[in-house]
Amino acid sequence: MKYFKGEVIFKYSEKDIIKVGNILSKLIFDKEGMFYGLANYLRDEVPFIYTDNILGFYFGIMQNPEELDLFSLEINDVLYKGNAQYIIDMTDRLKFVIKQSPEFEIIED
């Protein structure tokens, strides 16, 4: 079985993870409100929102707690068992999505 993985780091001047989620929700799903969960704080008190599980993976958005204009969009495969040779890297696809919004600026590694 192949597993999905990918991450892209970007800036958004408004520093609002909910707005980021709504913009990306519109770009990915063609409707707003698909990212949720801010109240759950799944990531060690770091602002993090996510989508429902879709065929074994979900999209997540994390906001850097020290640089509030810095975000990451990631795809997480919940079925992934740690074998890197079976990973399908979706980073380029995520970058394509981010580039659809002129409000976002990709931070290259």
N, C-alpha and C. Protein backbone atom coordinates (compact mmCIF):
# COMPACT_ATOMS: atom_id res chain seq x y z
N MET A 1 0.84 -1.18 0.00
CA MET A 1 0.00 0.00 0.00
C MET A 1 0.89 1.24 0.00
N LYS A 2 0.47 2.25 -0.73
CA LYS A 2 1.17 3.54 -0.77
C LYS A 2 0.54 4.49 0.26
N TYR A 3 1.37 5.38 0.80
CA TYR A 3 0.92 6.33 1.81
C TYR A 3 1.17 7.75 1.33
N PHE A 4 0.29 8.67 1.71
CA PHE A 4 0.42 10.07 1.34
C PHE A 4 1.11 10.86 2.45
N LYS A 5 1.96 11.79 2.03
CA LYS A 5 2.61 12.68 2.98
C LYS A 5 2.99 13.95 2.24
N GLY A 6 2.96 15.07 2.92
CA GLY A 6 3.36 16.33 2.31
C GLY A 6 3.18 17.48 3.28
N GLU A 7 3.99 18.52 3.10
CA GLU A 7 3.89 19.70 3.95
C GLU A 7 4.45 20.90 3.20
N VAL A 8 3.79 22.03 3.38
CA VAL A 8 4.29 23.28 2.82
C VAL A 8 4.13 24.37 3.88
N ILE A 9 5.16 25.18 4.03
CA ILE A 9 5.15 26.28 5.00
C ILE A 9 4.93 27.57 4.23
N PHE A 10 4.05 28.42 4.76
CA PHE A 10 3.71 29.66 4.07
C PHE A 10 3.38 30.76 5.07
N LYS A 11 3.39 31.99 4.57
CA LYS A 11 3.03 33.15 5.38
C LYS A 11 1.68 33.70 4.93
N TYR A 12 0.96 34.25 5.92
CA TYR A 12 -0.30 34.94 5.67
C TYR A 12 -0.35 36.11 6.64
N SER A 13 -0.40 37.31 6.12
CA SER A 13 -0.24 38.52 6.94
C SER A 13 -1.33 38.71 7.99
N GLU A 14 -2.51 38.16 7.79
CA GLU A 14 -3.60 38.41 8.74
C GLU A 14 -3.48 37.60 10.03
N LYS A 15 -2.60 36.62 10.08
CA LYS A 15 -2.31 35.87 11.31
C LYS A 15 -3.54 35.20 11.91
N ASP A 16 -4.45 34.74 11.09
CA ASP A 16 -5.72 34.16 11.56
C ASP A 16 -5.89 32.76 10.97
N ILE A 17 -5.74 31.74 11.81
CA ILE A 17 -5.80 30.36 11.32
C ILE A 17 -7.18 29.99 10.78
N ILE A 18 -8.23 30.59 11.33
CA ILE A 18 -9.58 30.31 10.83
C ILE A 18 -9.74 30.85 9.41
N LYS A 19 -9.26 32.06 9.15
CA LYS A 19 -9.31 32.61 7.79
C LYS A 19 -8.49 31.76 6.83
N VAL A 20 -7.30 31.33 7.28
CA VAL A 20 -6.48 30.45 6.45
C VAL A 20 -7.26 29.18 6.12
N GLY A 21 -7.89 28.61 7.14
CA GLY A 21 -8.67 27.39 6.93
C GLY A 21 -9.80 27.59 5.94
N ASN A 22 -10.49 28.71 6.02
CA ASN A 22 -11.59 28.97 5.09
C ASN A 22 -11.10 29.18 3.66
N ILE A 23 -9.97 29.87 3.50
CA ILE A 23 -9.42 30.07 2.16
C ILE A 23 -9.01 28.72 1.56
N LEU A 24 -8.28 27.92 2.34
CA LEU A 24 -7.83 26.62 1.83
C LEU A 24 -8.99 25.65 1.64
N SER A 25 -9.99 25.74 2.49
CA SER A 25 -11.17 24.91 2.34
C SER A 25 -11.86 25.18 1.00
N LYS A 26 -11.97 26.46 0.67
CA LYS A 26 -12.57 26.86 -0.61
C LYS A 26 -11.74 26.35 -1.79
N LEU A 27 -10.41 26.44 -1.67
CA LEU A 27 -9.54 26.00 -2.76
C LEU A 27 -9.54 24.47 -2.92
N ILE A 28 -9.53 23.74 -1.81
CA ILE A 28 -9.44 22.28 -1.87
C ILE A 28 -10.80 21.62 -2.09
N PHE A 29 -11.83 22.09 -1.36
CA PHE A 29 -13.13 21.43 -1.37
C PHE A 29 -14.22 22.22 -2.07
N ASP A 30 -13.91 23.42 -2.51
CA ASP A 30 -14.87 24.31 -3.17
C ASP A 30 -15.99 24.77 -2.23
N LYS A 31 -15.74 24.73 -0.92
CA LYS A 31 -16.66 25.30 0.06
C LYS A 31 -15.90 25.58 1.35
N GLU A 32 -16.35 26.57 2.09
CA GLU A 32 -15.69 26.94 3.34
C GLU A 32 -16.13 26.03 4.48
N GLY A 33 -15.39 26.10 5.57
CA GLY A 33 -15.80 25.42 6.79
C GLY A 33 -15.40 23.96 6.91
N MET A 34 -14.51 23.47 6.07
CA MET A 34 -14.12 22.06 6.14
C MET A 34 -13.02 21.81 7.17
N PHE A 35 -12.33 22.86 7.62
CA PHE A 35 -11.32 22.73 8.66
C PHE A 35 -11.96 23.11 10.00
N TYR A 36 -11.68 22.35 11.03
CA TYR A 36 -12.23 22.63 12.36
C TYR A 36 -11.28 22.07 13.42
N GLY A 37 -11.68 22.15 14.67
CA GLY A 37 -10.93 21.51 15.74
C GLY A 37 -10.00 22.40 16.53
N LEU A 38 -10.06 23.71 16.33
CA LEU A 38 -9.15 24.61 17.02
C LEU A 38 -9.26 24.45 18.54
N ALA A 39 -10.44 24.20 19.04
CA ALA A 39 -10.64 24.07 20.49
C ALA A 39 -9.99 22.80 21.05
N ASN A 40 -9.71 21.82 20.20
CA ASN A 40 -9.16 20.55 20.67
C ASN A 40 -7.66 20.60 20.93
N TYR A 41 -6.94 21.50 20.27
CA TYR A 41 -5.49 21.63 20.43
C TYR A 41 -4.79 20.27 20.43
N LEU A 42 -4.83 19.61 19.31
CA LEU A 42 -4.21 18.30 19.20
C LEU A 42 -2.69 18.33 19.25
N ARG A 43 -2.10 19.46 19.00
CA ARG A 43 -0.64 19.52 18.84
C ARG A 43 0.03 20.35 19.94
N ASP A 44 0.02 19.91 21.16
CA ASP A 44 0.77 20.54 22.25
C ASP A 44 0.54 22.05 22.35
N GLU A 45 -0.69 22.45 22.40
CA GLU A 45 -1.06 23.85 22.56
C GLU A 45 -0.67 24.74 21.38
N VAL A 46 -0.40 24.14 20.24
CA VAL A 46 -0.13 24.88 19.02
C VAL A 46 -1.44 24.97 18.24
N PRO A 47 -1.84 26.16 17.79
CA PRO A 47 -3.07 26.26 17.01
C PRO A 47 -3.03 25.32 15.80
N PHE A 48 -4.02 24.43 15.73
CA PHE A 48 -4.06 23.39 14.70
C PHE A 48 -5.51 23.11 14.34
N ILE A 49 -5.82 23.14 13.05
CA ILE A 49 -7.15 22.76 12.58
C ILE A 49 -6.97 21.69 11.51
N TYR A 50 -8.02 20.92 11.27
CA TYR A 50 -7.90 19.77 10.39
C TYR A 50 -9.24 19.45 9.73
N THR A 51 -9.18 18.60 8.72
CA THR A 51 -10.40 18.16 8.04
C THR A 51 -10.80 16.78 8.57
N ASP A 52 -11.94 16.33 8.15
CA ASP A 52 -12.33 14.95 8.42
C ASP A 52 -11.37 14.01 7.71
N ASN A 53 -11.35 12.78 8.16
CA ASN A 53 -10.57 11.72 7.52
C ASN A 53 -11.20 11.43 6.16
N ILE A 54 -10.37 11.48 5.11
CA ILE A 54 -10.83 11.24 3.74
C ILE A 54 -10.02 10.07 3.20
N LEU A 55 -10.61 8.91 3.09
CA LEU A 55 -9.93 7.73 2.56
C LEU A 55 -8.62 7.42 3.29
N GLY A 56 -8.57 7.69 4.57
CA GLY A 56 -7.39 7.36 5.36
C GLY A 56 -6.39 8.47 5.56
N PHE A 57 -6.69 9.68 5.09
CA PHE A 57 -5.80 10.81 5.34
C PHE A 57 -6.63 12.05 5.65
N TYR A 58 -5.97 13.04 6.23
CA TYR A 58 -6.63 14.32 6.49
C TYR A 58 -5.66 15.45 6.21
N PHE A 59 -6.21 16.63 5.98
CA PHE A 59 -5.41 17.85 5.83
C PHE A 59 -5.37 18.54 7.18
N GLY A 60 -4.22 19.10 7.53
CA GLY A 60 -4.08 19.85 8.77
C GLY A 60 -3.39 21.18 8.50
N ILE A 61 -3.76 22.19 9.27
CA ILE A 61 -3.12 23.50 9.21
C ILE A 61 -2.63 23.82 10.61
N MET A 62 -1.36 24.16 10.72
CA MET A 62 -0.78 24.52 11.99
C MET A 62 -0.25 25.95 11.91
N GLN A 63 -0.43 26.70 13.00
CA GLN A 63 0.07 28.07 13.08
C GLN A 63 1.24 28.11 14.06
N ASN A 64 2.33 28.73 13.65
CA ASN A 64 3.50 28.86 14.51
C ASN A 64 3.14 29.78 15.67
N PRO A 65 3.27 29.32 16.93
CA PRO A 65 2.88 30.15 18.07
C PRO A 65 3.81 31.33 18.33
N GLU A 66 5.01 31.31 17.76
CA GLU A 66 5.95 32.41 17.96
C GLU A 66 5.94 33.40 16.80
N GLU A 67 5.72 32.93 15.60
CA GLU A 67 5.61 33.78 14.41
C GLU A 67 4.20 33.58 13.86
N LEU A 68 3.27 34.38 14.32
CA LEU A 68 1.86 34.15 14.06
C LEU A 68 1.46 34.26 12.59
N ASP A 69 2.31 34.82 11.75
CA ASP A 69 1.99 34.89 10.33
C ASP A 69 2.53 33.68 9.56
N LEU A 70 3.06 32.70 10.26
CA LEU A 70 3.66 31.51 9.65
C LEU A 70 2.76 30.30 9.88
N PHE A 71 2.42 29.60 8.80
CA PHE A 71 1.51 28.46 8.85
C PHE A 71 2.11 27.29 8.08
N SER A 72 1.59 26.10 8.33
CA SER A 72 1.93 24.96 7.49
C SER A 72 0.65 24.22 7.13
N LEU A 73 0.60 23.78 5.88
CA LEU A 73 -0.47 22.91 5.41
C LEU A 73 0.16 21.55 5.22
N GLU A 74 -0.45 20.54 5.79
CA GLU A 74 0.10 19.20 5.67
C GLU A 74 -0.98 18.19 5.35
N ILE A 75 -0.55 17.10 4.78
CA ILE A 75 -1.44 15.97 4.56
C ILE A 75 -0.88 14.82 5.39
N ASN A 76 -1.73 14.23 6.21
CA ASN A 76 -1.32 13.16 7.11
C ASN A 76 -2.10 11.89 6.81
N ASP A 77 -1.39 10.83 6.57
CA ASP A 77 -2.00 9.53 6.30
C ASP A 77 -2.10 8.77 7.61
N VAL A 78 -3.30 8.51 8.07
CA VAL A 78 -3.49 7.84 9.35
C VAL A 78 -3.14 6.36 9.28
N LEU A 79 -3.01 5.82 8.09
CA LEU A 79 -2.66 4.41 7.93
C LEU A 79 -1.15 4.19 7.85
N TYR A 80 -0.36 5.26 7.77
CA TYR A 80 1.10 5.18 7.60
C TYR A 80 1.73 4.43 8.77
N LYS A 81 2.57 3.45 8.45
CA LYS A 81 3.20 2.62 9.47
C LYS A 81 4.71 2.80 9.53
N GLY A 82 5.26 3.83 8.89
CA GLY A 82 6.67 4.13 9.03
C GLY A 82 7.59 3.58 7.96
N ASN A 83 7.08 3.04 6.88
CA ASN A 83 7.94 2.53 5.81
C ASN A 83 8.06 3.58 4.71
N ALA A 84 9.16 4.32 4.71
CA ALA A 84 9.33 5.47 3.82
C ALA A 84 9.34 5.11 2.34
N GLN A 85 9.65 3.88 1.99
CA GLN A 85 9.71 3.53 0.57
C GLN A 85 8.33 3.50 -0.08
N TYR A 86 7.28 3.53 0.70
CA TYR A 86 5.93 3.49 0.15
C TYR A 86 5.20 4.83 0.22
N ILE A 87 5.94 5.91 0.40
CA ILE A 87 5.32 7.23 0.53
C ILE A 87 5.16 7.90 -0.83
N ILE A 88 3.99 8.47 -1.05
CA ILE A 88 3.74 9.34 -2.20
C ILE A 88 3.81 10.77 -1.67
N ASP A 89 4.82 11.51 -2.10
CA ASP A 89 5.03 12.87 -1.60
C ASP A 89 4.09 13.84 -2.32
N MET A 90 3.20 14.44 -1.55
CA MET A 90 2.19 15.35 -2.09
C MET A 90 2.58 16.83 -1.90
N THR A 91 3.82 17.09 -1.53
CA THR A 91 4.26 18.46 -1.26
C THR A 91 4.04 19.38 -2.45
N ASP A 92 4.40 18.93 -3.64
CA ASP A 92 4.22 19.79 -4.83
C ASP A 92 2.74 20.11 -5.06
N ARG A 93 1.87 19.15 -4.81
CA ARG A 93 0.43 19.39 -4.97
C ARG A 93 -0.06 20.40 -3.94
N LEU A 94 0.44 20.31 -2.71
CA LEU A 94 0.06 21.28 -1.68
C LEU A 94 0.57 22.67 -2.03
N LYS A 95 1.78 22.76 -2.58
CA LYS A 95 2.31 24.05 -3.02
C LYS A 95 1.44 24.64 -4.12
N PHE A 96 0.97 23.79 -5.02
CA PHE A 96 0.08 24.25 -6.09
C PHE A 96 -1.18 24.88 -5.49
N VAL A 97 -1.75 24.25 -4.48
CA VAL A 97 -2.95 24.79 -3.83
C VAL A 97 -2.64 26.14 -3.18
N ILE A 98 -1.54 26.22 -2.44
CA ILE A 98 -1.17 27.47 -1.77
C ILE A 98 -0.97 28.59 -2.77
N LYS A 99 -0.37 28.29 -3.91
CA LYS A 99 -0.10 29.31 -4.93
C LYS A 99 -1.38 29.86 -5.57
N GLN A 100 -2.51 29.20 -5.37
CA GLN A 100 -3.77 29.67 -5.93
C GLN A 100 -4.29 30.91 -5.22
N SER A 101 -3.77 31.18 -4.02
CA SER A 101 -4.18 32.36 -3.27
C SER A 101 -3.04 33.37 -3.24
N PRO A 102 -3.24 34.55 -3.83
CA PRO A 102 -2.19 35.57 -3.82
C PRO A 102 -1.89 36.10 -2.42
N GLU A 103 -2.75 35.81 -1.46
CA GLU A 103 -2.54 36.26 -0.08
C GLU A 103 -1.47 35.45 0.64
N PHE A 104 -1.15 34.27 0.13
CA PHE A 104 -0.18 33.39 0.77
C PHE A 104 1.18 33.50 0.09
N GLU A 105 2.23 33.40 0.89
CA GLU A 105 3.61 33.40 0.37
C GLU A 105 4.31 32.14 0.85
N ILE A 106 4.69 31.28 -0.07
CA ILE A 106 5.37 30.03 0.28
C ILE A 106 6.78 30.35 0.78
N ILE A 107 7.15 29.67 1.85
CA ILE A 107 8.49 29.77 2.41
C ILE A 107 9.24 28.51 1.96
N GLU A 108 10.25 28.69 1.13
CA GLU A 108 11.02 27.54 0.63
C GLU A 108 11.97 27.07 1.70
N ASP A 109 12.23 25.74 1.73
CA ASP A 109 13.16 25.19 2.73
C ASP A 109 14.57 25.58 2.39
